[in-house]
């Protein structure tokens, strides 16, 4: 989709009980209105909550917790209505001096004014990261899912765990023992039980979305997004009857794009393509017969109504509802619908938590069939050789791609990447078949020792570069990837995945 419906006039900001310095908002739909939770940073950090009803407006903000909270733009408090009608909030609290040593703590309230601490769903006692929670109601209590870092204390991976509460927490259970370190989770109550969506992480650094219903996992979209660092961009899931829809962000095509997929097959469809430059940070709300998907686009918050019938998904033209910067300080915009009114809140770097409203009926109806992502996408945003700065493998001296004179083949590579290791014979084959080319292998976010081991007796010039510099220069986070530039620095060919020497043109 290359179109976008823009607001003709700026939407007026919604009056909120928050103020300057507030951040990390979360919206919860309740039986009689809405509940907003947020944090106030600084040395005396506080977690607050306020309820809204059509007749009473916003209630006086209540203090849920304070003190040694972990205040962060990505891992934020979440609220849910438990099976007994009470409201529960999960929030991050520091557990030790380490930067990311914090626990998931829980607070519960029957009236939204007085809050009691009910402990933590995990009892491992390790000073490691626990967070990115999501919750669903369950009988007389609730079920919570969270990223659990207990195994990282001994060099292991981050895991995903769950536990139930009905007066006290049950022993936690493993949902997945290897997941992305800092991408949020999202859970819903489905007819057959619970469903949780999250970002998985394989040993070869594939960071695709998966859905678990307690018995195995289903890959969502099968993006095959391989990257060395956490994208801090988790999925969201919503349920309509027996139909579930997942929305997420991927960088697999060489730039971020927003995708959706409907269960049970979860075949990916493109909602906001990379040409729109979306930031991601999706949210999703189930309405009566369709879904409302929101995301942070380039310079603002965008909405689209989506309907799903099996694998076929229709979407409306995205509507820009508010201007918002795309940096970290904006956080994750959150969306809710009350009485056919859409409420969107986010963090403004200067004003704190702000929001806008818009009638559901003002949005275009779903009309366009969303397309599947292109397989083996070879397109690139760049058309000329970028001036990437790196350091040499031997000696760690400054190096620039612009210093190369003549045609050059650039290969993004990493020792931690299985397909990259399998690509080594192809790199030698290219060097032998194309002596006219200067071969440059750029190791992305890698360790010099591991790269030296791989580069021993291998052709080409090997250099080291950090992920952010590579992403900015080549507009991709995918490895392996390759680019062929002519003597004038113009792009002649590019490809994602393992290099095929037969596909290269001869530039002699």
Foldseek 3Di string as FASTA:
>chain_A
DPDFAEDPDFFDWDDDLDWWQKAQWEWDQAPFFIKIWIWHDDQWIWIWMWTAGPPPGTDHIATADTHQFLDFLQFGKYWDQAQQRKIKIWGWGQDDDDNQQIFTWMWIDNPRHDIDTQGGLADLSDRHHKTLKEWEYDHQGIKMKIWACPVVVVPAAIFIWMWTDRPHTDRIDTPGRFAADAAHKEKYAAPVGIKIKWWGADLQQQTFIWIDRSPDIATAQPLSAHFDHHLSWIKYWDDAHNKIKIWTWGQSLLAIFIWMFIDDNNHTFTDGDRVQRFSHLKYWDDDNAWIWIWGHTAFAIWIWTWHDDHGWIFIFRIYGNHGAHSDSQFRHWYWDADPQKIKIWTQHNGIGIIIGIDGNVVTDHGDDTTDGDDPFNFDFPDFFQFFFWFAFLPPRHIDTPVVDAFKEKEWEAELSHPLRLVQQVVQQVLCVVAVRYAYEYEYEPYDSVSVCVSCVVGDHTYTYDYQVRCCVRGSGRAPGKMWIAGRVGGTDGIGGTRDDSVPDDHRD
